[in-house]
Amino acid sequence: MTALAVFEGTALACPGLNASKDEFYRFSDNLTSWLPIKRDTWLKFFISEHTLSVLAETGTYPDRQSISNRLKSLNIIDVDIQDICDIVLTILGKTPYLEEVTSLGNCSVSFCDFDNSVVGYTESKFEDQFKYVLLASLKASLELSQGETFVVTHCAKSIRTNVKGSLNSDSGNIDLDGWLGICSELGQLESLLCTTTFWMNADGNFHSDALQIHCKQLDKRPNKEFGFGNDFLKSAISHGFTTQASKIKTLLKSLVETICDENLGKTHGLRQNSSGNSPQLTSGSFKAMRRDIDYEYHLHYWISGNVVEFANLVVHNDMTIFPLSTR
């Protein structure tokens, strides 16, 4: 897990009877963009324990019948109602509450300042809940220390905003001040994400996700399939490429260039030994390669056709490449 995403009421609210087709399509597209949360992912999702009651009180709970009625009244036939219902069930039925993982207790909003230029409300209850969710998300971010935090809402565009405010609790005021991302769909969240921070906090196989998202942010289309060798991360850790932001930025640049076939002048094959006539080192159909990250550090990787495996990172005079992982 490398980031937190908190859904608030307007992100889930079913469009009203007077909603236009465009409004319903936006509701559908935004919700179904989050279908990846049904599998293991680098995001940890939460909702507030107050969300269900707010949806019920405003008559916007997105149950199957309400969604079906809107589809019929708008004569929409190209939306998969099951996809919408699946994600609603996942978010409302299987997502943990913020209040269960923090020390919030019984709280109310004293004040909350943020850039509200992109957020619209149809009900005052949604505005009240949104401010509470912003502050509760800041509290969760501080307590869970899981990288960046985002609030998912119904908004015109995605932004990163400073949030200042105070919650009244049974134990006194909780003053909060920090930065949050505000978005409505997964693509917007990915565009706001700091991939350097993502890389720092990534675990498991999520470094691949960090690289894929970095490519999207740069509008790059990789023409290579890629993966990381079994011990790549060990070499990255040993050389500071998981903790130092400047190093991570240069590494991500080199990784992107490798899978996009860019700056090939920075690459050359690794030979079997130091002899000038020594053949290139191979493993099956894979050839060993070296790319300059900068003068001091270098990226070693295996390549076969359009498949790349990043093996390890080394200092300038080290020509070692870790063995190809079993594929």
Protein backbone atom coordinates (compact mmCIF):
# COMPACT_ATOMS: atom_id res chain seq x y z
CA MET A 1 0.00 0.00 0.00
CA THR A 2 1.42 3.38 -0.99
CA ALA A 3 -1.54 5.79 -0.85
CA LEU A 4 -4.93 6.31 0.78
CA ALA A 5 -8.17 7.09 -1.06
CA VAL A 6 -11.29 8.08 0.88
CA PHE A 7 -14.71 8.09 -0.80
CA GLU A 8 -17.21 10.69 0.35
CA GLY A 9 -20.94 10.90 -0.33
CA THR A 10 -21.14 12.87 -3.59
CA ALA A 11 -18.82 10.38 -5.33
CA LEU A 12 -21.44 7.68 -4.75
CA ALA A 13 -24.71 9.64 -4.93
CA CYS A 14 -27.07 8.39 -7.62
CA PRO A 15 -28.06 11.24 -10.00
CA GLY A 16 -31.53 12.67 -9.37
CA LEU A 17 -34.62 12.20 -11.52
CA ASN A 18 -33.90 15.47 -13.32
CA ALA A 19 -30.30 14.53 -14.14
CA SER A 20 -29.17 14.73 -17.76
CA LYS A 21 -27.61 11.89 -19.74
CA ASP A 22 -24.21 13.56 -19.46
CA GLU A 23 -24.54 13.70 -15.68
CA PHE A 24 -25.41 10.02 -15.48
CA TYR A 25 -22.59 9.00 -17.83
CA ARG A 26 -20.17 10.96 -15.67
CA PHE A 27 -21.50 9.24 -12.54
CA SER A 28 -21.13 5.84 -14.24
CA ASP A 29 -17.69 6.48 -15.74
CA ASN A 30 -16.30 7.87 -12.48
CA LEU A 31 -17.53 4.93 -10.43
CA THR A 32 -16.49 2.18 -12.81
CA SER A 33 -12.99 3.66 -13.10
CA TRP A 34 -12.48 2.31 -9.57
CA LEU A 35 -13.19 -1.33 -10.50
CA PRO A 36 -9.48 -2.20 -9.96
CA ILE A 37 -10.06 -1.84 -6.19
CA LYS A 38 -11.69 -5.27 -6.33
CA ARG A 39 -8.20 -6.76 -6.62
CA ASP A 40 -5.03 -6.28 -4.64
CA THR A 41 -3.81 -2.77 -5.33
CA TRP A 42 -1.36 -0.13 -4.19
CA LEU A 43 -4.25 2.00 -2.91
CA LYS A 44 -5.95 1.53 0.45
CA PHE A 45 -9.60 2.60 0.38
CA PHE A 46 -11.85 3.96 3.12
CA ILE A 47 -15.25 5.56 3.61
CA SER A 48 -16.70 7.42 6.58
CA GLU A 49 -19.17 5.64 8.81
CA HIS A 50 -21.53 8.59 8.17
CA THR A 51 -21.67 8.09 4.39
CA LEU A 52 -24.55 5.59 4.34
CA SER A 53 -26.79 7.81 6.45
CA VAL A 54 -26.05 10.89 4.33
CA LEU A 55 -26.93 9.01 1.13
CA ALA A 56 -30.14 7.72 2.70
CA GLU A 57 -31.17 11.13 4.07
CA THR A 58 -30.63 12.83 0.71
CA GLY A 59 -32.43 10.10 -1.27
CA THR A 60 -29.36 9.41 -3.37
CA TYR A 61 -28.39 5.92 -2.23
CA PRO A 62 -27.15 4.12 -5.38
CA ASP A 63 -29.16 0.90 -5.07
CA ARG A 64 -29.84 -1.25 -8.12
CA GLN A 65 -33.48 -0.13 -8.47
CA SER A 66 -32.60 3.58 -8.38
CA ILE A 67 -29.86 3.12 -10.97
CA SER A 68 -32.17 1.03 -13.18
CA ASN A 69 -34.87 3.70 -12.98
CA ARG A 70 -32.44 6.41 -14.07
CA LEU A 71 -31.23 4.29 -16.99
CA LYS A 72 -34.79 3.72 -18.17
CA SER A 73 -35.90 7.34 -17.79
CA LEU A 74 -32.85 8.55 -19.73
CA ASN A 75 -33.12 5.75 -22.32
CA ILE A 76 -29.51 4.72 -21.72
CA ILE A 77 -28.73 1.23 -23.01
CA ASP A 78 -24.91 1.23 -23.23
CA VAL A 79 -24.13 1.26 -19.50
CA ASP A 80 -23.50 -2.01 -17.66
CA ILE A 81 -25.59 -1.75 -14.51
CA GLN A 82 -23.76 -4.75 -13.01
CA ASP A 83 -20.42 -2.93 -13.13
CA ILE A 84 -21.93 0.00 -11.24
CA CYS A 85 -23.58 -2.26 -8.67
CA ASP A 86 -20.37 -4.26 -8.19
CA ILE A 87 -18.30 -1.21 -7.37
CA VAL A 88 -21.03 0.27 -5.14
CA LEU A 89 -21.18 -3.00 -3.21
CA THR A 90 -17.39 -3.08 -2.90
CA ILE A 91 -17.17 0.52 -1.67
CA LEU A 92 -20.17 0.58 0.65
CA GLY A 93 -20.14 -3.02 1.79
CA LYS A 94 -16.50 -4.05 1.97
CA THR A 95 -14.49 -0.87 2.49
CA PRO A 96 -13.33 -0.16 6.06
CA TYR A 97 -14.42 2.95 7.91
CA LEU A 98 -11.97 5.75 8.59
CA GLU A 99 -13.23 5.87 12.14
CA GLU A 100 -12.17 2.25 12.70
CA VAL A 101 -8.51 2.87 11.87
CA THR A 102 -7.99 6.25 13.51
CA SER A 103 -8.50 7.78 16.95
CA LEU A 104 -11.25 10.09 15.71
CA GLY A 105 -14.01 8.96 18.02
CA ASN A 106 -17.11 11.17 18.06
CA CYS A 107 -16.10 14.32 16.15
CA SER A 108 -17.68 17.32 14.50
CA VAL A 109 -16.19 20.03 12.30
CA SER A 110 -15.26 23.30 13.98
CA PHE A 111 -13.95 24.89 10.78
CA CYS A 112 -12.41 23.76 7.49
CA ASP A 113 -10.64 25.89 4.89
CA PHE A 114 -9.68 24.57 1.44
CA ASP A 115 -9.92 25.42 -2.26
CA ASN A 116 -13.57 24.62 -2.96
CA SER A 117 -13.60 26.02 -6.49
CA VAL A 118 -14.02 22.61 -8.11
CA VAL A 119 -16.51 21.07 -5.70
CA GLY A 120 -20.26 21.47 -6.03
CA TYR A 121 -22.97 20.42 -3.59
CA THR A 122 -26.65 19.73 -4.06
CA GLU A 123 -27.32 19.24 -0.36
CA SER A 124 -25.92 20.99 2.72
CA LYS A 125 -25.49 17.57 4.29
CA PHE A 126 -22.99 16.70 1.56
CA GLU A 127 -21.06 19.91 2.22
CA ASP A 128 -20.90 19.14 5.94
CA GLN A 129 -19.80 15.57 5.30
CA PHE A 130 -17.22 16.63 2.73
CA LYS A 131 -15.51 18.96 5.20
CA TYR A 132 -15.56 16.24 7.83
CA VAL A 133 -14.07 13.70 5.38
CA LEU A 134 -11.30 16.14 4.41
CA LEU A 135 -10.23 16.60 8.02
CA ALA A 136 -10.72 12.94 8.92
CA SER A 137 -8.58 11.98 5.90
CA LEU A 138 -5.81 14.29 7.10
CA LYS A 139 -6.00 12.64 10.51
CA ALA A 140 -5.80 9.18 8.91
CA SER A 141 -2.84 10.24 6.77
CA LEU A 142 -0.93 11.36 9.86
CA GLU A 143 -1.73 8.23 11.84
CA LEU A 144 -1.28 5.63 9.11
CA SER A 145 1.74 7.23 7.39
CA GLN A 146 0.97 5.59 4.04
CA GLY A 147 2.20 8.12 1.50
CA GLU A 148 -0.22 10.50 -0.17
CA THR A 149 -3.91 10.80 0.67
CA PHE A 150 -6.77 11.53 -1.74
CA VAL A 151 -10.46 12.31 -1.26
CA VAL A 152 -12.75 10.97 -3.96
CA THR A 153 -15.72 13.25 -4.58
CA HIS A 154 -17.91 14.67 -7.35
CA CYS A 155 -15.69 17.43 -8.74
CA ALA A 156 -15.14 19.33 -11.96
CA LYS A 157 -11.41 18.66 -12.04
CA SER A 158 -8.70 17.15 -9.91
CA ILE A 159 -6.62 19.39 -7.66
CA ARG A 160 -4.09 19.22 -4.88
CA THR A 161 -5.12 21.57 -2.08
CA ASN A 162 -3.98 22.64 1.35
CA VAL A 163 -6.57 21.87 4.01
CA LYS A 164 -6.67 23.59 7.38
CA GLY A 165 -9.24 22.96 10.03
CA SER A 166 -10.23 21.71 13.43
CA LEU A 167 -12.36 18.83 14.68
CA ASN A 168 -14.22 18.95 17.97
CA SER A 169 -13.82 15.68 19.81
CA ASP A 170 -14.66 14.33 23.25
CA SER A 171 -11.02 14.86 24.23
CA GLY A 172 -10.77 18.41 22.87
CA ASN A 173 -9.98 20.14 19.59
CA ILE A 174 -7.90 18.37 16.92
CA ASP A 175 -6.13 20.96 14.76
CA LEU A 176 -5.10 19.74 11.30
CA ASP A 177 -3.10 21.24 8.45
CA GLY A 178 -1.86 19.39 5.38
CA TRP A 179 -2.15 18.65 1.67
CA LEU A 180 -4.73 16.38 0.04
CA GLY A 181 -5.53 15.39 -3.51
CA ILE A 182 -9.17 15.79 -4.60
CA CYS A 183 -10.41 13.76 -7.56
CA SER A 184 -13.40 11.92 -8.94
CA GLU A 185 -11.91 9.02 -10.92
CA LEU A 186 -8.84 6.81 -10.89
CA GLY A 187 -7.10 8.47 -13.84
CA GLN A 188 -7.26 11.83 -12.06
CA LEU A 189 -5.73 10.33 -8.94
CA GLU A 190 -2.90 8.84 -10.97
CA SER A 191 -2.20 12.22 -12.58
CA LEU A 192 -1.91 13.84 -9.13
CA LEU A 193 0.23 11.11 -7.64
CA CYS A 194 3.87 11.88 -6.91
CA THR A 195 5.60 8.84 -8.38
CA THR A 196 8.74 9.55 -6.38
CA THR A 197 6.78 9.24 -3.13
CA PHE A 198 4.97 6.23 -4.58
CA TRP A 199 8.30 4.50 -5.29
CA MET A 200 9.55 5.25 -1.78
CA ASN A 201 6.49 3.64 -0.17
CA ALA A 202 5.93 0.81 -2.66
CA ASP A 203 6.11 -2.79 -1.55
CA GLY A 204 5.39 -6.16 -3.16
CA ASN A 205 5.02 -5.81 -6.92
CA PHE A 206 3.90 -2.18 -6.80
CA HIS A 207 7.13 -0.73 -8.20
CA SER A 208 5.83 -1.84 -11.59
CA ASP A 209 2.67 0.21 -10.95
CA ALA A 210 4.83 3.21 -10.06
CA LEU A 211 6.67 2.93 -13.38
CA GLN A 212 3.47 2.47 -15.38
CA ILE A 213 1.88 5.53 -13.79
CA HIS A 214 5.05 7.55 -14.35
CA CYS A 215 4.82 6.68 -18.07
CA LYS A 216 1.18 7.85 -18.16
CA GLN A 217 2.09 11.15 -16.53
CA LEU A 218 4.76 11.71 -19.18
CA ASP A 219 2.35 10.59 -21.93
CA LYS A 220 4.78 7.83 -22.87
CA ARG A 221 3.72 4.55 -24.45
CA PRO A 222 6.16 1.76 -23.56
CA ASN A 223 6.93 -0.63 -26.39
CA LYS A 224 8.52 -3.16 -24.06
CA GLU A 225 6.98 -5.54 -21.56
CA PHE A 226 8.92 -5.23 -18.33
CA GLY A 227 9.47 -6.70 -14.91
CA PHE A 228 11.90 -6.51 -12.04
CA GLY A 229 14.32 -9.28 -11.16
CA ASN A 230 14.08 -11.04 -7.82
CA ASP A 231 16.91 -9.02 -6.27
CA PHE A 232 16.53 -5.70 -8.07
CA LEU A 233 15.03 -4.04 -5.01
CA LYS A 234 17.93 -5.16 -2.81
CA SER A 235 20.40 -3.37 -5.08
CA ALA A 236 18.15 -0.29 -5.22
CA ILE A 237 18.01 -0.15 -1.42
CA SER A 238 21.76 -0.61 -1.05
CA HIS A 239 22.46 2.41 -3.29
CA GLY A 240 19.79 4.74 -1.87
CA PHE A 241 17.34 4.46 -4.76
CA THR A 242 14.35 3.89 -2.46
CA THR A 243 14.91 6.72 0.02
CA GLN A 244 16.56 9.63 -1.82
CA ALA A 245 14.14 11.58 -4.00
CA SER A 246 16.79 12.89 -6.40
CA LYS A 247 18.06 9.36 -7.07
CA ILE A 248 14.56 7.98 -7.54
CA LYS A 249 13.77 10.66 -10.14
CA THR A 250 16.86 9.80 -12.19
CA LEU A 251 16.13 6.08 -11.88
CA LEU A 252 12.53 6.47 -13.06
CA LYS A 253 13.81 8.48 -16.04
CA SER A 254 16.23 5.67 -16.96
CA LEU A 255 13.57 2.98 -16.53
CA VAL A 256 11.15 4.90 -18.78
CA GLU A 257 13.84 5.45 -21.42
CA THR A 258 14.62 1.72 -21.42
CA ILE A 259 11.05 0.52 -22.01
CA CYS A 260 10.40 3.31 -24.53
CA ASP A 261 13.65 2.80 -26.51
CA GLU A 262 14.90 6.32 -25.82
CA ASN A 263 18.45 7.70 -25.40
CA LEU A 264 19.97 4.47 -26.69
CA GLY A 265 23.37 6.19 -26.77
CA LYS A 266 23.44 5.70 -23.00
CA THR A 267 23.30 1.91 -23.38
CA HIS A 268 25.73 -0.81 -24.34
CA GLY A 269 25.97 -4.57 -24.00
CA LEU A 270 27.68 -6.25 -21.05
CA ARG A 271 30.48 -8.58 -22.09
CA GLN A 272 31.38 -11.94 -20.62
CA ASN A 273 34.75 -10.57 -19.49
CA SER A 274 36.91 -7.45 -19.76
CA SER A 275 38.47 -8.44 -23.07
CA GLY A 276 37.61 -6.10 -25.90
CA ASN A 277 36.72 -9.05 -28.13
CA SER A 278 34.62 -10.79 -25.49
CA PRO A 279 31.10 -11.69 -26.68
CA GLN A 280 28.01 -10.16 -25.08
CA LEU A 281 26.74 -11.91 -21.96
CA THR A 282 23.52 -13.85 -22.58
CA SER A 283 21.03 -16.02 -20.73
CA GLY A 284 18.98 -18.07 -23.16
CA SER A 285 17.54 -15.58 -25.64
CA PHE A 286 18.17 -12.65 -23.28
CA LYS A 287 21.11 -10.27 -23.71
CA ALA A 288 22.75 -8.38 -20.84
CA MET A 289 22.66 -4.57 -21.13
CA ARG A 290 23.93 -1.54 -19.20
CA ARG A 291 22.39 1.95 -19.18
CA ASP A 292 23.98 5.04 -17.65
CA ILE A 293 21.78 6.64 -14.99
CA ASP A 294 24.46 9.25 -14.35
CA TYR A 295 28.25 9.07 -14.16
CA GLU A 296 28.25 7.23 -10.85
CA TYR A 297 25.33 4.80 -11.17
CA HIS A 298 24.20 2.40 -13.88
CA LEU A 299 21.21 0.21 -14.62
CA HIS A 300 21.77 -3.41 -15.64
CA TYR A 301 19.00 -5.32 -17.36
CA TRP A 302 18.20 -8.29 -19.59
CA ILE A 303 16.43 -7.88 -22.92
CA SER A 304 14.94 -10.28 -25.44
CA GLY A 305 12.85 -8.82 -28.23
CA ASN A 306 10.21 -6.63 -26.58
CA VAL A 307 10.72 -8.08 -23.08
CA VAL A 308 12.91 -6.40 -20.45
CA GLU A 309 13.87 -7.56 -16.96
CA PHE A 310 15.56 -4.97 -14.76
CA ALA A 311 18.29 -6.87 -12.91
CA ASN A 312 20.22 -4.52 -10.61
CA LEU A 313 21.81 -1.14 -10.02
CA VAL A 314 25.59 -0.75 -9.77
CA VAL A 315 28.32 1.82 -9.28
CA HIS A 316 30.56 2.91 -12.14
CA ASN A 317 33.25 0.20 -12.00
CA ASP A 318 30.89 -2.72 -11.25
CA MET A 319 29.97 -4.82 -14.29
CA THR A 320 28.02 -7.45 -12.31
CA ILE A 321 24.54 -8.33 -13.48
CA PHE A 322 22.19 -10.41 -11.34
CA PRO A 323 20.96 -13.66 -12.92
CA LEU A 324 17.81 -13.64 -14.99
CA SER A 325 14.79 -14.60 -12.89
CA THR A 326 12.76 -17.66 -13.83
CA ARG A 327 10.07 -16.71 -16.32
